[in-house]
Amino acid sequence: MKNQNLVIAGVIALIIVLIGGFFILSPGKKTEPDLVTKLPIEEQITEINPEDIGLTLTASADNRKVILEVNKTEGLSGLDYELSYISKGDIPRGVIGHVDIEQEGDPVAQSITLGTCSDVCHYDEDVSDIKIIVKVSKTDGSTAQVEKSL
């Protein structure tokens, strides 16, 4: 009986040691990390009229290109444009590009091909619904946007 009591006491002591070791070795109270979502800073882009920068959009004589011209470049550092149009078969097409303003105050012009060119140009046919969106970067760091259709 004494041996049996000794075995029971040993088992109980072992259980207490195991449970104590579990609590000691396990990490303390787990807390959920603070979830802070950082949203990107939204850039304020003001809408301006094409006349504000002297924007003109004209088709070339052969209707294979569009000429983008900006005559009022004072205070401007660059232009990013996205030209979209519909070609034969109602296929939406587009062109994106950039124009640097090298000398503030000087007019700039960009010829935009309506099609693709590698070694040979393949021009789109029956082009319609030509629209351009120009993001205007100013020398003061602000931006503006202007739209024009042809």
N, C-alpha and C. Protein backbone atom coordinates (compact mmCIF):
# COMPACT_ATOMS: atom_id res chain seq x y z
N MET A 1 0.81 -1.17 0.00
CA MET A 1 0.00 0.00 0.00
C MET A 1 0.87 1.26 0.00
N LYS A 2 1.99 1.17 0.74
CA LYS A 2 2.89 2.28 0.80
C LYS A 2 3.49 2.54 -0.58
N ASN A 3 3.83 1.48 -1.29
CA ASN A 3 4.39 1.63 -2.64
C ASN A 3 3.34 2.22 -3.60
N GLN A 4 2.12 1.80 -3.40
CA GLN A 4 1.04 2.28 -4.26
C GLN A 4 0.81 3.77 -4.02
N ASN A 5 0.84 4.22 -2.79
CA ASN A 5 0.70 5.64 -2.46
C ASN A 5 1.88 6.43 -2.99
N LEU A 6 3.04 5.85 -2.94
CA LEU A 6 4.24 6.49 -3.45
C LEU A 6 4.15 6.68 -4.96
N VAL A 7 3.65 5.68 -5.66
CA VAL A 7 3.49 5.77 -7.12
C VAL A 7 2.46 6.85 -7.47
N ILE A 8 1.35 6.87 -6.76
CA ILE A 8 0.30 7.87 -7.02
C ILE A 8 0.85 9.26 -6.76
N ALA A 9 1.59 9.44 -5.69
CA ALA A 9 2.18 10.74 -5.37
C ALA A 9 3.18 11.16 -6.46
N GLY A 10 3.95 10.21 -6.94
CA GLY A 10 4.92 10.50 -8.00
C GLY A 10 4.24 10.92 -9.29
N VAL A 11 3.15 10.23 -9.65
CA VAL A 11 2.40 10.57 -10.87
C VAL A 11 1.81 11.97 -10.73
N ILE A 12 1.24 12.28 -9.58
CA ILE A 12 0.65 13.61 -9.35
C ILE A 12 1.74 14.68 -9.43
N ALA A 13 2.91 14.43 -8.83
CA ALA A 13 4.02 15.38 -8.87
C ALA A 13 4.48 15.59 -10.31
N LEU A 14 4.56 14.51 -11.07
CA LEU A 14 4.96 14.61 -12.48
C LEU A 14 3.97 15.44 -13.28
N ILE A 15 2.69 15.24 -13.04
CA ILE A 15 1.64 16.02 -13.74
C ILE A 15 1.77 17.49 -13.38
N ILE A 16 2.01 17.80 -12.10
CA ILE A 16 2.15 19.20 -11.67
C ILE A 16 3.37 19.83 -12.33
N VAL A 17 4.48 19.09 -12.40
CA VAL A 17 5.70 19.61 -13.03
C VAL A 17 5.46 19.86 -14.52
N LEU A 18 4.79 18.93 -15.20
CA LEU A 18 4.51 19.10 -16.63
C LEU A 18 3.60 20.31 -16.88
N ILE A 19 2.55 20.44 -16.09
CA ILE A 19 1.63 21.57 -16.27
C ILE A 19 2.36 22.88 -15.96
N GLY A 20 3.14 22.92 -14.90
CA GLY A 20 3.91 24.12 -14.55
C GLY A 20 4.90 24.47 -15.64
N GLY A 21 5.61 23.46 -16.16
CA GLY A 21 6.56 23.70 -17.24
C GLY A 21 5.89 24.23 -18.49
N PHE A 22 4.69 23.74 -18.77
CA PHE A 22 3.94 24.22 -19.93
C PHE A 22 3.65 25.71 -19.80
N PHE A 23 3.20 26.13 -18.61
CA PHE A 23 2.87 27.54 -18.41
C PHE A 23 4.12 28.41 -18.38
N ILE A 24 5.20 27.89 -17.86
CA ILE A 24 6.43 28.68 -17.78
C ILE A 24 7.06 28.84 -19.16
N LEU A 25 7.08 27.78 -19.94
CA LEU A 25 7.74 27.81 -21.24
C LEU A 25 6.88 28.41 -22.35
N SER A 26 5.58 28.39 -22.17
CA SER A 26 4.73 28.96 -23.22
C SER A 26 4.78 30.47 -23.13
N PRO A 27 4.64 31.15 -24.31
CA PRO A 27 4.68 32.62 -24.30
C PRO A 27 3.54 33.16 -23.44
N GLY A 28 3.76 34.36 -22.95
CA GLY A 28 2.75 35.01 -22.11
C GLY A 28 1.48 35.27 -22.90
N LYS A 29 0.69 36.13 -22.35
CA LYS A 29 -0.59 36.46 -22.97
C LYS A 29 -0.36 36.95 -24.39
N LYS A 30 -1.01 36.29 -25.31
CA LYS A 30 -0.86 36.68 -26.70
C LYS A 30 -1.81 37.84 -26.98
N THR A 31 -1.25 38.88 -27.55
CA THR A 31 -2.09 40.02 -27.91
C THR A 31 -2.08 40.14 -29.42
N GLU A 32 -3.18 40.56 -29.93
CA GLU A 32 -3.28 40.76 -31.36
C GLU A 32 -2.49 42.02 -31.73
N PRO A 33 -1.70 41.95 -32.79
CA PRO A 33 -0.95 43.16 -33.18
C PRO A 33 -1.93 44.22 -33.67
N ASP A 34 -1.56 45.45 -33.41
CA ASP A 34 -2.39 46.55 -33.90
C ASP A 34 -2.27 46.60 -35.41
N LEU A 35 -3.38 46.51 -36.07
CA LEU A 35 -3.38 46.56 -37.52
C LEU A 35 -3.59 48.01 -37.95
N VAL A 36 -2.56 48.56 -38.53
CA VAL A 36 -2.63 49.93 -39.00
C VAL A 36 -2.48 49.87 -40.51
N THR A 37 -3.50 50.26 -41.18
CA THR A 37 -3.47 50.28 -42.63
C THR A 37 -3.09 51.67 -43.10
N LYS A 38 -2.01 51.73 -43.83
CA LYS A 38 -1.59 53.02 -44.37
C LYS A 38 -2.13 53.14 -45.78
N LEU A 39 -2.98 54.11 -45.96
CA LEU A 39 -3.56 54.34 -47.27
C LEU A 39 -2.63 55.24 -48.07
N PRO A 40 -2.54 55.00 -49.37
CA PRO A 40 -1.69 55.88 -50.17
C PRO A 40 -2.27 57.29 -50.17
N ILE A 41 -1.38 58.25 -50.20
CA ILE A 41 -1.81 59.64 -50.24
C ILE A 41 -2.37 59.91 -51.62
N GLU A 42 -3.58 60.40 -51.63
CA GLU A 42 -4.25 60.65 -52.90
C GLU A 42 -3.78 62.00 -53.45
N GLU A 43 -3.31 61.97 -54.68
CA GLU A 43 -2.84 63.18 -55.33
C GLU A 43 -4.04 63.97 -55.83
N GLN A 44 -4.05 65.25 -55.54
CA GLN A 44 -5.12 66.11 -56.01
C GLN A 44 -4.81 66.55 -57.44
N ILE A 45 -5.68 66.17 -58.35
CA ILE A 45 -5.51 66.55 -59.75
C ILE A 45 -6.70 67.43 -60.12
N THR A 46 -6.41 68.65 -60.50
CA THR A 46 -7.46 69.57 -60.88
C THR A 46 -7.75 69.45 -62.37
N GLU A 47 -9.00 69.65 -62.71
CA GLU A 47 -9.41 69.65 -64.12
C GLU A 47 -9.20 71.06 -64.68
N ILE A 48 -8.60 71.13 -65.86
CA ILE A 48 -8.43 72.42 -66.53
C ILE A 48 -8.99 72.32 -67.94
N ASN A 49 -9.20 73.46 -68.56
CA ASN A 49 -9.70 73.51 -69.93
C ASN A 49 -8.54 73.44 -70.91
N PRO A 50 -8.79 72.89 -72.11
CA PRO A 50 -7.72 72.84 -73.12
C PRO A 50 -7.13 74.22 -73.43
N GLU A 51 -7.96 75.25 -73.35
CA GLU A 51 -7.49 76.61 -73.65
C GLU A 51 -6.48 77.10 -72.62
N ASP A 52 -6.55 76.58 -71.40
CA ASP A 52 -5.63 77.02 -70.34
C ASP A 52 -4.18 76.73 -70.68
N ILE A 53 -3.92 75.69 -71.44
CA ILE A 53 -2.54 75.37 -71.83
C ILE A 53 -2.35 75.47 -73.36
N GLY A 54 -3.36 75.95 -74.04
CA GLY A 54 -3.26 76.08 -75.50
C GLY A 54 -3.20 74.73 -76.19
N LEU A 55 -3.98 73.77 -75.71
CA LEU A 55 -3.97 72.41 -76.26
C LEU A 55 -4.78 72.33 -77.54
N THR A 56 -4.15 71.83 -78.60
CA THR A 56 -4.87 71.53 -79.83
C THR A 56 -4.56 70.09 -80.24
N LEU A 57 -5.52 69.49 -80.89
CA LEU A 57 -5.41 68.12 -81.36
C LEU A 57 -5.91 68.11 -82.79
N THR A 58 -5.03 67.79 -83.74
CA THR A 58 -5.42 67.80 -85.14
C THR A 58 -4.98 66.50 -85.82
N ALA A 59 -5.75 66.11 -86.81
CA ALA A 59 -5.41 64.92 -87.60
C ALA A 59 -4.43 65.32 -88.71
N SER A 60 -3.51 64.42 -89.04
CA SER A 60 -2.59 64.69 -90.14
C SER A 60 -3.36 64.61 -91.46
N ALA A 61 -2.75 65.10 -92.52
CA ALA A 61 -3.41 65.13 -93.83
C ALA A 61 -3.80 63.74 -94.31
N ASP A 62 -3.00 62.72 -93.97
CA ASP A 62 -3.30 61.35 -94.40
C ASP A 62 -4.13 60.56 -93.38
N ASN A 63 -4.54 61.21 -92.29
CA ASN A 63 -5.34 60.59 -91.22
C ASN A 63 -4.66 59.38 -90.58
N ARG A 64 -3.34 59.33 -90.62
CA ARG A 64 -2.61 58.23 -90.01
C ARG A 64 -1.95 58.63 -88.69
N LYS A 65 -2.01 59.92 -88.39
CA LYS A 65 -1.40 60.44 -87.18
C LYS A 65 -2.28 61.53 -86.60
N VAL A 66 -2.08 61.79 -85.32
CA VAL A 66 -2.71 62.90 -84.63
C VAL A 66 -1.59 63.77 -84.09
N ILE A 67 -1.73 65.08 -84.23
CA ILE A 67 -0.72 66.00 -83.74
C ILE A 67 -1.23 66.65 -82.46
N LEU A 68 -0.51 66.46 -81.36
CA LEU A 68 -0.79 67.07 -80.07
C LEU A 68 0.10 68.30 -79.95
N GLU A 69 -0.49 69.47 -79.73
CA GLU A 69 0.28 70.70 -79.56
C GLU A 69 -0.16 71.40 -78.29
N VAL A 70 0.82 71.92 -77.56
CA VAL A 70 0.57 72.75 -76.37
C VAL A 70 1.36 74.03 -76.57
N ASN A 71 0.65 75.16 -76.62
CA ASN A 71 1.30 76.44 -76.90
C ASN A 71 1.60 77.27 -75.65
N LYS A 72 0.93 76.98 -74.53
CA LYS A 72 1.15 77.75 -73.29
C LYS A 72 1.85 76.84 -72.28
N THR A 73 3.18 76.84 -72.30
CA THR A 73 3.95 75.92 -71.44
C THR A 73 4.56 76.61 -70.22
N GLU A 74 4.21 77.88 -69.98
CA GLU A 74 4.73 78.57 -68.81
C GLU A 74 4.26 77.83 -67.55
N GLY A 75 5.20 77.49 -66.67
CA GLY A 75 4.87 76.81 -65.43
C GLY A 75 4.67 75.31 -65.57
N LEU A 76 4.95 74.75 -66.76
CA LEU A 76 4.78 73.32 -67.00
C LEU A 76 6.14 72.64 -67.10
N SER A 77 6.21 71.40 -66.59
CA SER A 77 7.47 70.65 -66.69
C SER A 77 7.35 69.42 -67.58
N GLY A 78 6.13 68.92 -67.78
CA GLY A 78 5.97 67.74 -68.63
C GLY A 78 4.51 67.39 -68.83
N LEU A 79 4.28 66.53 -69.82
CA LEU A 79 2.93 66.08 -70.16
C LEU A 79 2.95 64.56 -70.31
N ASP A 80 1.98 63.91 -69.70
CA ASP A 80 1.76 62.48 -69.92
C ASP A 80 0.40 62.37 -70.59
N TYR A 81 0.33 61.61 -71.68
CA TYR A 81 -0.94 61.54 -72.40
C TYR A 81 -1.38 60.10 -72.62
N GLU A 82 -2.70 59.97 -72.77
CA GLU A 82 -3.33 58.70 -73.12
C GLU A 82 -4.35 59.01 -74.21
N LEU A 83 -4.06 58.54 -75.41
CA LEU A 83 -4.94 58.75 -76.55
C LEU A 83 -5.70 57.46 -76.80
N SER A 84 -7.01 57.55 -76.90
CA SER A 84 -7.82 56.36 -77.18
C SER A 84 -8.67 56.62 -78.42
N TYR A 85 -8.96 55.55 -79.15
CA TYR A 85 -9.77 55.66 -80.36
C TYR A 85 -10.34 54.30 -80.72
N ILE A 86 -11.25 54.30 -81.68
CA ILE A 86 -11.85 53.07 -82.20
C ILE A 86 -11.37 52.90 -83.64
N SER A 87 -10.90 51.68 -83.96
CA SER A 87 -10.45 51.41 -85.33
C SER A 87 -11.43 50.46 -86.03
N LYS A 88 -11.16 50.17 -87.28
CA LYS A 88 -12.02 49.32 -88.11
C LYS A 88 -12.41 48.04 -87.36
N GLY A 89 -13.70 47.70 -87.40
CA GLY A 89 -14.20 46.53 -86.71
C GLY A 89 -14.57 46.83 -85.27
N ASP A 90 -14.71 48.12 -84.92
CA ASP A 90 -15.04 48.55 -83.56
C ASP A 90 -14.03 48.05 -82.53
N ILE A 91 -12.76 48.08 -82.89
CA ILE A 91 -11.70 47.63 -82.00
C ILE A 91 -11.15 48.84 -81.24
N PRO A 92 -11.24 48.82 -79.90
CA PRO A 92 -10.66 49.94 -79.13
C PRO A 92 -9.14 49.88 -79.15
N ARG A 93 -8.53 51.02 -79.39
CA ARG A 93 -7.07 51.11 -79.46
C ARG A 93 -6.61 52.29 -78.63
N GLY A 94 -5.32 52.35 -78.35
CA GLY A 94 -4.81 53.47 -77.57
C GLY A 94 -3.31 53.61 -77.66
N VAL A 95 -2.86 54.78 -77.26
CA VAL A 95 -1.43 55.11 -77.25
C VAL A 95 -1.17 55.91 -75.98
N ILE A 96 -0.08 55.59 -75.29
CA ILE A 96 0.33 56.41 -74.16
C ILE A 96 1.72 56.96 -74.43
N GLY A 97 2.02 58.11 -73.84
CA GLY A 97 3.34 58.69 -74.06
C GLY A 97 3.62 59.85 -73.13
N HIS A 98 4.81 60.40 -73.28
CA HIS A 98 5.26 61.51 -72.45
C HIS A 98 5.94 62.55 -73.33
N VAL A 99 5.74 63.81 -72.97
CA VAL A 99 6.40 64.92 -73.65
C VAL A 99 7.09 65.76 -72.59
N ASP A 100 8.41 65.94 -72.71
CA ASP A 100 9.15 66.82 -71.80
C ASP A 100 9.01 68.26 -72.27
N ILE A 101 8.88 69.17 -71.33
CA ILE A 101 8.92 70.60 -71.65
C ILE A 101 10.37 71.02 -71.41
N GLU A 102 11.13 71.12 -72.50
CA GLU A 102 12.55 71.41 -72.36
C GLU A 102 12.81 72.87 -72.02
N GLN A 103 12.10 73.76 -72.65
CA GLN A 103 12.28 75.19 -72.40
C GLN A 103 10.92 75.77 -72.05
N GLU A 104 10.76 76.14 -70.78
CA GLU A 104 9.48 76.68 -70.33
C GLU A 104 9.11 77.90 -71.17
N GLY A 105 7.89 77.90 -71.66
CA GLY A 105 7.41 79.00 -72.49
C GLY A 105 7.40 78.66 -73.98
N ASP A 106 8.23 77.68 -74.40
CA ASP A 106 8.27 77.28 -75.80
C ASP A 106 7.15 76.28 -76.08
N PRO A 107 6.45 76.44 -77.20
CA PRO A 107 5.42 75.46 -77.56
C PRO A 107 6.03 74.08 -77.82
N VAL A 108 5.23 73.04 -77.58
CA VAL A 108 5.67 71.67 -77.85
C VAL A 108 4.64 70.99 -78.74
N ALA A 109 5.12 70.03 -79.53
CA ALA A 109 4.24 69.26 -80.41
C ALA A 109 4.69 67.81 -80.39
N GLN A 110 3.73 66.91 -80.49
CA GLN A 110 4.02 65.47 -80.51
C GLN A 110 3.15 64.84 -81.59
N SER A 111 3.77 64.10 -82.49
CA SER A 111 3.05 63.36 -83.52
C SER A 111 2.78 61.96 -82.98
N ILE A 112 1.51 61.56 -82.99
CA ILE A 112 1.10 60.27 -82.42
C ILE A 112 0.55 59.40 -83.55
N THR A 113 1.20 58.27 -83.79
CA THR A 113 0.81 57.35 -84.86
C THR A 113 -0.43 56.56 -84.46
N LEU A 114 -1.38 56.48 -85.37
CA LEU A 114 -2.59 55.68 -85.16
C LEU A 114 -2.36 54.31 -85.79
N GLY A 115 -1.69 53.45 -85.06
CA GLY A 115 -1.33 52.13 -85.54
C GLY A 115 -0.07 51.68 -84.83
N THR A 116 0.61 50.71 -85.43
CA THR A 116 1.85 50.21 -84.84
C THR A 116 2.98 50.31 -85.85
N CYS A 117 4.16 50.63 -85.34
CA CYS A 117 5.34 50.72 -86.20
C CYS A 117 6.49 49.94 -85.58
N SER A 118 7.13 49.16 -86.40
CA SER A 118 8.35 48.47 -86.01
C SER A 118 9.32 48.78 -87.14
N ASP A 119 9.59 47.80 -88.00
CA ASP A 119 10.35 48.10 -89.22
C ASP A 119 9.43 48.78 -90.23
N VAL A 120 8.18 48.38 -90.21
CA VAL A 120 7.17 48.91 -91.12
C VAL A 120 5.97 49.34 -90.29
N CYS A 121 5.31 50.42 -90.68
CA CYS A 121 4.13 50.88 -89.95
C CYS A 121 2.87 50.22 -90.52
N HIS A 122 2.02 49.79 -89.63
CA HIS A 122 0.70 49.26 -89.98
C HIS A 122 -0.32 50.20 -89.36
N TYR A 123 -0.93 51.03 -90.20
CA TYR A 123 -1.84 52.05 -89.72
C TYR A 123 -3.24 51.49 -89.55
N ASP A 124 -3.93 51.95 -88.49
CA ASP A 124 -5.31 51.56 -88.28
C ASP A 124 -6.20 52.27 -89.29
N GLU A 125 -7.25 51.59 -89.70
CA GLU A 125 -8.18 52.14 -90.69
C GLU A 125 -9.51 52.48 -90.02
N ASP A 126 -10.25 53.38 -90.67
CA ASP A 126 -11.57 53.80 -90.20
C ASP A 126 -11.53 54.22 -88.73
N VAL A 127 -10.60 55.10 -88.40
CA VAL A 127 -10.43 55.55 -87.02
C VAL A 127 -11.53 56.56 -86.67
N SER A 128 -12.11 56.39 -85.46
CA SER A 128 -13.14 57.31 -84.99
C SER A 128 -13.04 57.47 -83.48
N ASP A 129 -13.82 58.37 -82.94
CA ASP A 129 -13.92 58.61 -81.48
C ASP A 129 -12.55 58.82 -80.84
N ILE A 130 -11.77 59.72 -81.41
CA ILE A 130 -10.44 60.01 -80.86
C ILE A 130 -10.59 60.92 -79.65
N LYS A 131 -9.98 60.49 -78.53
CA LYS A 131 -10.04 61.25 -77.28
C LYS A 131 -8.67 61.20 -76.63
N ILE A 132 -8.24 62.34 -76.08
CA ILE A 132 -6.96 62.38 -75.39
C ILE A 132 -7.17 62.92 -73.98
N ILE A 133 -6.47 62.30 -73.04
CA ILE A 133 -6.42 62.77 -71.66
C ILE A 133 -4.96 63.09 -71.39
N VAL A 134 -4.70 64.33 -70.97
CA VAL A 134 -3.33 64.77 -70.72
C VAL A 134 -3.18 65.12 -69.24
N LYS A 135 -2.20 64.49 -68.60
CA LYS A 135 -1.85 64.84 -67.22
C LYS A 135 -0.72 65.86 -67.32
N VAL A 136 -0.97 67.03 -66.79
CA VAL A 136 -0.03 68.14 -66.89
C VAL A 136 0.75 68.26 -65.58
N SER A 137 2.07 68.09 -65.66
CA SER A 137 2.93 68.27 -64.49
C SER A 137 3.44 69.69 -64.49
N LYS A 138 3.25 70.37 -63.36
CA LYS A 138 3.65 71.77 -63.25
C LYS A 138 4.97 71.89 -62.49
N THR A 139 5.66 73.00 -62.71
CA THR A 139 6.95 73.22 -62.07
C THR A 139 6.83 73.38 -60.56
N ASP A 140 5.65 73.72 -60.05
CA ASP A 140 5.46 73.86 -58.60
C ASP A 140 5.14 72.52 -57.92
N GLY A 141 5.14 71.42 -58.70
CA GLY A 141 4.90 70.09 -58.17
C GLY A 141 3.45 69.63 -58.23
N SER A 142 2.53 70.51 -58.59
CA SER A 142 1.13 70.13 -58.69
C SER A 142 0.86 69.51 -60.06
N THR A 143 -0.30 68.90 -60.17
CA THR A 143 -0.69 68.29 -61.44
C THR A 143 -2.10 68.72 -61.80
N ALA A 144 -2.39 68.67 -63.07
CA ALA A 144 -3.73 68.99 -63.57
C ALA A 144 -4.03 68.01 -64.70
N GLN A 145 -5.28 67.93 -65.07
CA GLN A 145 -5.70 67.03 -66.14
C GLN A 145 -6.60 67.77 -67.10
N VAL A 146 -6.42 67.47 -68.37
CA VAL A 146 -7.23 68.09 -69.41
C VAL A 146 -7.64 67.01 -70.41
N GLU A 147 -8.87 67.11 -70.92
CA GLU A 147 -9.38 66.17 -71.92
C GLU A 147 -9.78 66.92 -73.16
N LYS A 148 -9.60 66.26 -74.30
CA LYS A 148 -10.01 66.85 -75.57
C LYS A 148 -10.34 65.72 -76.54
N SER A 149 -11.35 65.96 -77.37
CA SER A 149 -11.74 64.98 -78.39
C SER A 149 -11.53 65.58 -79.77
N LEU A 150 -11.42 64.71 -80.73
CA LEU A 150 -11.22 65.14 -82.11
C LEU A 150 -12.35 64.60 -82.95
